[in-house]
Amino acid sequence: MKPTYSVLDLGSNSFHMIYARVDKHGQVVLLDKFKQYVSLGSGLKKNGDIRRGHRHAALNCLREVARVLKRQKPDCFAAIATNAFRLQRNDRFLCNCERVLGHPIRVLTSEEEGDYVYQGAVQTTPMPGPDHCILDVGGSSTEFILGSTSRPSCILSWQVGSAVLTERFFHTDRLKLTNWNAAVEYTDQVIAPENKAQIYLPGIQVMYGTSGAIRAISNTLRKLGFTDGTIDAEAIDRLVAVLIDKRVCARLTHLDNYRVQVFLGGLAILHALFELLEVKRLKPACGSIREGVLLEMHQMTTKAKAA
């Protein structure tokens, strides 16, 4: 019997766990998954503390994860945390999370996060050519990764994400042009111009996106008949035109409640990136950070058995 793996990703929007095994072809076979929105990034204060309600939501979610793990009984388990945990400054909170979960939690650097995102994407998604561009729009940060074949060569992390941007600029359900322009301008200032010189995309025609924000936008474009799910600058402009001065929730009934709440922030980030980058199209990838960690665990397990 092939070993089973569980990977828990403590993200800024949600806590998401996959339970899977790897088949003889090296493909991840999903057996079960768990996801709960916690909005930890939105609960992060400027001083690095996390608001009490968000801390409680995180701990309650981890209690449920611990119960799920007892049922799954994976052969290998890893818990990783990303930007919200990197920014928070309460050591007791991390200890409490580990105590409730019953396992250590590894807080990744932005470089480690980018590497796992890249590995998870390129090893699960057919991508033409040797050079790849991966984009991950999280709740409180955005990662941009360039690589050749199996290794990333450039990892950029910007402190702007779908939840944080939505909270800052989109206070009501009705999208106003002034708010939209302010959000895009702010995103432009965060990601440019100091990083522009580092972004060189030789011959890359398509980016691949790994986050829930990107999948939600892709699904919306397909639902409206604008594209086949491919995201480009023209499709984003058409979508914004449909949403301006409208109640966003009424136009996005195909998405879950939380994803609707942070939708505009993710959309503004993509709009700004398409203005900055030469790449014309963005497609959702099949895997992301969780798959990257899982495949690394599988490789280590395989090597240990062979030794």
Protein backbone atom coordinates (compact mmCIF):
# COMPACT_ATOMS: atom_id res chain seq x y z
CA MET A 1 0.00 0.00 0.00
CA LYS A 2 1.36 3.39 -1.00
CA PRO A 3 1.90 5.87 1.86
CA THR A 4 -0.60 8.65 2.48
CA TYR A 5 0.20 12.29 3.13
CA SER A 6 -1.66 15.19 4.68
CA VAL A 7 -0.50 18.79 4.22
CA LEU A 8 -2.08 21.71 6.07
CA ASP A 9 -1.58 25.20 4.63
CA LEU A 10 -2.33 27.97 7.12
CA GLY A 11 -2.93 30.82 4.69
CA SER A 12 -4.03 34.39 5.17
CA ASN A 13 -7.50 33.69 3.75
CA SER A 14 -8.14 30.09 4.71
CA PHE A 15 -6.71 27.01 6.36
CA HIS A 16 -6.65 24.31 3.70
CA MET A 17 -5.56 20.68 4.05
CA ILE A 18 -5.25 17.94 1.45
CA TYR A 19 -5.00 14.20 2.11
CA ALA A 20 -3.51 12.25 -0.79
CA ARG A 21 -1.17 9.60 -2.08
CA VAL A 22 1.19 9.65 -5.06
CA ASP A 23 0.64 7.13 -7.85
CA LYS A 24 3.30 5.23 -9.81
CA HIS A 25 3.46 8.05 -12.37
CA GLY A 26 4.28 10.63 -9.68
CA GLN A 27 0.83 12.23 -9.81
CA VAL A 28 -0.97 13.41 -6.68
CA VAL A 29 -4.18 11.43 -6.10
CA LEU A 30 -6.51 13.41 -3.83
CA LEU A 31 -8.32 11.32 -1.22
CA ASP A 32 -9.87 14.02 0.97
CA LYS A 33 -9.65 17.75 1.63
CA PHE A 34 -10.56 20.23 4.33
CA LYS A 35 -10.96 23.98 3.98
CA GLN A 36 -12.22 26.70 6.27
CA TYR A 37 -12.03 30.47 5.86
CA VAL A 38 -10.31 32.12 8.80
CA SER A 39 -9.36 35.56 7.34
CA LEU A 40 -6.23 35.74 9.45
CA GLY A 41 -4.68 38.37 7.16
CA SER A 42 -7.63 40.70 7.69
CA GLY A 43 -7.22 40.32 11.43
CA LEU A 44 -3.60 41.41 11.44
CA LYS A 45 -2.95 44.78 13.07
CA LYS A 46 -0.15 47.16 12.07
CA ASN A 47 1.76 46.31 15.27
CA GLY A 48 1.85 42.60 14.34
CA ASP A 49 -0.88 41.50 16.74
CA ILE A 50 -3.89 39.51 15.54
CA ARG A 51 -7.36 40.57 16.59
CA ARG A 52 -8.93 38.39 19.24
CA GLY A 53 -11.82 37.16 17.10
CA HIS A 54 -9.46 36.05 14.34
CA ARG A 55 -7.23 34.23 16.84
CA HIS A 56 -10.24 32.35 18.18
CA ALA A 57 -11.37 31.47 14.65
CA ALA A 58 -7.91 30.09 13.85
CA LEU A 59 -7.75 27.96 17.01
CA ASN A 60 -11.29 26.63 16.51
CA CYS A 61 -10.40 25.67 12.95
CA LEU A 62 -7.25 23.86 14.11
CA ARG A 63 -9.30 21.86 16.63
CA GLU A 64 -11.40 20.64 13.72
CA VAL A 65 -8.26 19.88 11.69
CA ALA A 66 -6.94 17.77 14.58
CA ARG A 67 -10.17 15.74 14.54
CA VAL A 68 -9.91 15.26 10.76
CA LEU A 69 -6.31 14.07 11.10
CA LYS A 70 -7.35 11.43 13.62
CA ARG A 71 -9.78 10.10 11.03
CA GLN A 72 -7.35 10.28 8.10
CA LYS A 73 -4.35 8.79 9.93
CA PRO A 74 -1.80 9.83 7.28
CA ASP A 75 1.62 8.21 7.17
CA CYS A 76 3.22 11.65 6.89
CA PHE A 77 1.94 15.08 7.92
CA ALA A 78 3.22 18.64 7.56
CA ALA A 79 1.74 21.98 8.62
CA ILE A 80 3.03 25.12 6.93
CA ALA A 81 2.13 28.77 7.51
CA THR A 82 2.61 31.73 5.19
CA ASN A 83 2.44 35.53 5.16
CA ALA A 84 0.03 36.25 8.03
CA PHE A 85 2.17 34.12 10.35
CA ARG A 86 5.34 35.74 9.04
CA LEU A 87 3.99 39.19 9.90
CA GLN A 88 2.39 38.43 13.24
CA ARG A 89 4.53 39.11 16.30
CA ASN A 90 2.77 37.10 19.02
CA ASP A 91 4.92 34.03 19.79
CA ARG A 92 2.25 32.73 22.15
CA PHE A 93 -0.27 32.58 19.30
CA LEU A 94 1.95 30.24 17.26
CA CYS A 95 2.55 28.06 20.33
CA ASN A 96 -1.19 27.90 20.99
CA CYS A 97 -1.82 26.89 17.38
CA GLU A 98 0.73 24.08 17.65
CA ARG A 99 -0.71 22.92 20.96
CA VAL A 100 -4.28 22.74 19.61
CA LEU A 101 -3.17 21.06 16.38
CA GLY A 102 -0.88 18.63 18.16
CA HIS A 103 1.88 19.12 15.57
CA PRO A 104 4.64 21.65 14.88
CA ILE A 105 3.90 24.41 12.37
CA ARG A 106 6.64 25.53 10.01
CA VAL A 107 6.44 29.23 9.16
CA LEU A 108 7.83 29.57 5.65
CA THR A 109 9.93 32.45 4.41
CA SER A 110 8.62 34.16 1.28
CA GLU A 111 11.36 32.38 -0.71
CA GLU A 112 10.37 28.97 0.67
CA GLU A 113 6.72 29.70 -0.04
CA GLY A 114 7.51 30.69 -3.62
CA ASP A 115 9.57 27.55 -4.13
CA TYR A 116 6.79 25.24 -2.93
CA VAL A 117 4.18 27.11 -4.99
CA TYR A 118 6.38 26.71 -8.06
CA GLN A 119 7.04 23.01 -7.43
CA GLY A 120 3.37 22.29 -6.83
CA ALA A 121 2.34 24.09 -10.02
CA VAL A 122 4.91 22.78 -12.49
CA GLN A 123 4.72 19.17 -11.27
CA THR A 124 0.94 18.96 -11.59
CA THR A 125 0.17 21.20 -14.59
CA PRO A 126 1.18 20.59 -18.22
CA MET A 127 3.20 23.67 -19.26
CA PRO A 128 4.80 24.15 -22.68
CA GLY A 129 8.42 25.24 -22.95
CA PRO A 130 11.24 25.19 -20.39
CA ASP A 131 10.52 28.59 -18.82
CA HIS A 132 7.58 29.15 -16.50
CA CYS A 133 5.90 32.05 -14.71
CA ILE A 134 3.73 31.29 -11.67
CA LEU A 135 1.52 33.78 -9.83
CA ASP A 136 -0.06 33.26 -6.42
CA VAL A 137 -2.46 35.92 -5.10
CA GLY A 138 -3.00 35.21 -1.42
CA GLY A 139 -5.01 36.99 1.22
CA SER A 140 -2.24 39.32 2.38
CA SER A 141 0.60 38.84 -0.11
CA THR A 142 1.23 38.05 -3.76
CA GLU A 143 4.05 35.79 -4.92
CA PHE A 144 5.54 35.98 -8.42
CA ILE A 145 7.86 33.14 -9.41
CA LEU A 146 9.96 32.65 -12.52
CA GLY A 147 11.73 29.39 -13.23
CA SER A 148 13.27 27.09 -15.79
CA THR A 149 12.02 23.49 -15.85
CA SER A 150 11.87 22.24 -12.24
CA ARG A 151 13.64 25.06 -10.38
CA PRO A 152 12.59 28.66 -9.64
CA SER A 153 15.13 31.32 -10.57
CA CYS A 154 13.39 34.46 -9.26
CA ILE A 155 10.88 34.76 -6.41
CA LEU A 156 9.25 38.11 -5.66
CA SER A 157 6.82 38.66 -2.81
CA TRP A 158 4.66 41.77 -2.56
CA GLN A 159 2.74 42.82 0.55
CA VAL A 160 -0.61 43.12 -1.18
CA GLY A 161 -3.31 40.44 -1.21
CA SER A 162 -6.97 39.96 -2.04
CA ALA A 163 -8.34 40.19 1.52
CA VAL A 164 -6.20 43.11 2.68
CA LEU A 165 -6.80 45.12 -0.50
CA THR A 166 -10.55 44.49 -0.35
CA GLU A 167 -10.70 45.59 3.28
CA ARG A 168 -8.77 48.77 2.51
CA PHE A 169 -10.61 49.96 -0.62
CA PHE A 170 -13.90 48.12 -1.05
CA HIS A 171 -15.98 48.83 2.03
CA THR A 172 -19.38 48.23 0.44
CA ASP A 173 -20.82 45.57 -1.83
CA ARG A 174 -21.34 48.13 -4.61
CA LEU A 175 -18.22 48.75 -6.71
CA LYS A 176 -17.42 52.42 -7.32
CA LEU A 177 -15.01 53.57 -10.02
CA THR A 178 -13.15 55.84 -7.59
CA ASN A 179 -12.48 52.91 -5.24
CA TRP A 180 -11.42 50.70 -8.12
CA ASN A 181 -8.94 53.26 -9.45
CA ALA A 182 -7.52 53.85 -5.96
CA ALA A 183 -7.00 50.11 -5.39
CA VAL A 184 -5.24 49.65 -8.74
CA GLU A 185 -3.05 52.72 -8.16
CA TYR A 186 -2.08 51.47 -4.69
CA THR A 187 -1.19 48.02 -6.10
CA ASP A 188 0.92 49.68 -8.82
CA GLN A 189 2.88 51.50 -6.11
CA VAL A 190 3.49 48.31 -4.15
CA ILE A 191 4.73 46.16 -7.04
CA ALA A 192 6.48 48.80 -9.21
CA PRO A 193 8.77 50.30 -10.25
CA GLU A 194 11.57 48.80 -8.12
CA ASN A 195 10.74 45.20 -9.13
CA LYS A 196 10.18 45.86 -12.82
CA ALA A 197 13.84 45.41 -13.75
CA GLN A 198 13.83 41.92 -12.18
CA ILE A 199 10.85 40.71 -14.21
CA TYR A 200 12.21 39.31 -17.45
CA LEU A 201 9.95 36.82 -19.21
CA PRO A 202 11.80 35.40 -22.24
CA GLY A 203 9.31 33.85 -24.61
CA ILE A 204 6.69 33.16 -21.94
CA GLN A 205 3.20 33.65 -23.33
CA VAL A 206 1.09 32.24 -20.49
CA MET A 207 1.32 32.67 -16.72
CA TYR A 208 -0.18 30.07 -14.41
CA GLY A 209 -2.05 31.05 -11.25
CA THR A 210 -2.31 28.92 -8.14
CA SER A 211 -4.65 30.72 -5.75
CA GLY A 212 -8.35 30.67 -4.95
CA ALA A 213 -8.60 34.31 -6.04
CA ILE A 214 -7.35 33.42 -9.51
CA ARG A 215 -9.63 30.39 -9.80
CA ALA A 216 -12.62 32.51 -8.76
CA ILE A 217 -11.88 35.11 -11.46
CA SER A 218 -11.31 32.37 -14.04
CA ASN A 219 -14.62 30.69 -13.15
CA THR A 220 -16.43 34.03 -13.35
CA LEU A 221 -15.08 34.81 -16.82
CA ARG A 222 -16.18 31.36 -17.98
CA LYS A 223 -19.58 31.75 -16.33
CA LEU A 224 -20.19 35.08 -18.09
CA GLY A 225 -19.01 33.69 -21.42
CA PHE A 226 -16.15 36.18 -21.70
CA THR A 227 -13.43 33.49 -22.09
CA ASP A 228 -12.89 29.76 -21.64
CA GLY A 229 -11.51 30.55 -18.20
CA THR A 230 -8.32 32.15 -19.47
CA ILE A 231 -7.67 35.52 -17.83
CA ASP A 232 -6.38 38.45 -19.89
CA ALA A 233 -6.42 42.25 -19.64
CA GLU A 234 -9.38 42.67 -21.99
CA ALA A 235 -11.50 40.16 -20.06
CA ILE A 236 -10.68 41.89 -16.76
CA ASP A 237 -11.74 45.25 -18.22
CA ARG A 238 -15.02 43.72 -19.43
CA LEU A 239 -15.64 42.21 -16.01
CA VAL A 240 -14.96 45.51 -14.22
CA ALA A 241 -17.38 47.27 -16.58
CA VAL A 242 -20.07 44.73 -15.67
CA LEU A 243 -19.47 45.24 -11.94
CA ILE A 244 -19.16 49.05 -11.75
CA ASP A 245 -22.04 50.59 -9.78
CA LYS A 246 -23.56 47.14 -9.27
CA ARG A 247 -23.98 44.94 -6.19
CA VAL A 248 -21.09 42.54 -6.58
CA CYS A 249 -22.74 39.69 -4.67
CA ALA A 250 -25.68 39.72 -7.10
CA ARG A 251 -23.31 39.18 -10.03
CA LEU A 252 -21.20 36.47 -8.39
CA THR A 253 -23.81 34.03 -7.11
CA HIS A 254 -21.77 31.09 -8.43
CA LEU A 255 -19.02 31.78 -5.84
CA ASP A 256 -19.09 31.05 -2.13
CA ASN A 257 -19.72 33.89 0.29
CA TYR A 258 -16.15 34.50 1.42
CA ARG A 259 -14.72 34.36 -2.09
CA VAL A 260 -17.21 37.06 -3.12
CA GLN A 261 -16.08 39.23 -0.20
CA VAL A 262 -12.42 39.27 -1.34
CA PHE A 263 -13.08 39.08 -5.10
CA LEU A 264 -12.46 42.75 -5.92
CA GLY A 265 -9.07 42.82 -4.22
CA GLY A 266 -7.83 39.89 -6.27
CA LEU A 267 -9.24 41.42 -9.46
CA ALA A 268 -7.46 44.74 -8.84
CA ILE A 269 -4.14 42.95 -8.29
CA LEU A 270 -4.45 41.07 -11.58
CA HIS A 271 -5.40 44.29 -13.39
CA ALA A 272 -2.26 46.00 -12.11
CA LEU A 273 -0.04 43.02 -12.97
CA PHE A 274 -1.30 42.80 -16.54
CA GLU A 275 -0.38 46.47 -16.98
CA LEU A 276 3.13 45.76 -15.67
CA LEU A 277 3.93 42.44 -17.35
CA GLU A 278 4.44 41.53 -20.99
CA VAL A 279 2.63 38.20 -20.59
CA LYS A 280 -0.85 38.38 -22.10
CA ARG A 281 -2.68 35.40 -20.57
CA LEU A 282 -3.13 33.72 -17.20
CA LYS A 283 -4.50 30.22 -16.63
CA PRO A 284 -5.25 28.40 -13.35
CA ALA A 285 -2.69 25.75 -12.39
CA CYS A 286 -3.68 22.31 -11.11
CA GLY A 287 -1.49 22.38 -8.00
CA SER A 288 0.04 24.84 -5.57
CA ILE A 289 1.92 25.06 -2.30
CA ARG A 290 0.25 22.04 -0.68
CA GLU A 291 1.12 19.78 -3.59
CA GLY A 292 4.68 21.13 -3.57
CA VAL A 293 5.14 20.19 0.10
CA LEU A 294 3.42 16.83 -0.41
CA LEU A 295 5.65 15.87 -3.34
CA GLU A 296 8.74 16.82 -1.34
CA MET A 297 7.59 14.55 1.50
CA HIS A 298 6.99 11.76 -1.00
CA GLN A 299 10.50 12.15 -2.45
CA MET A 300 12.02 12.03 1.04
CA THR A 301 9.97 8.93 1.94
CA THR A 302 10.99 7.19 -1.29
CA LYS A 303 14.68 7.97 -0.70
CA ALA A 304 14.47 6.73 2.89
CA LYS A 305 12.95 3.42 1.75
CA ALA A 306 15.61 3.00 -0.92
CA ALA A 307 18.49 3.67 1.50
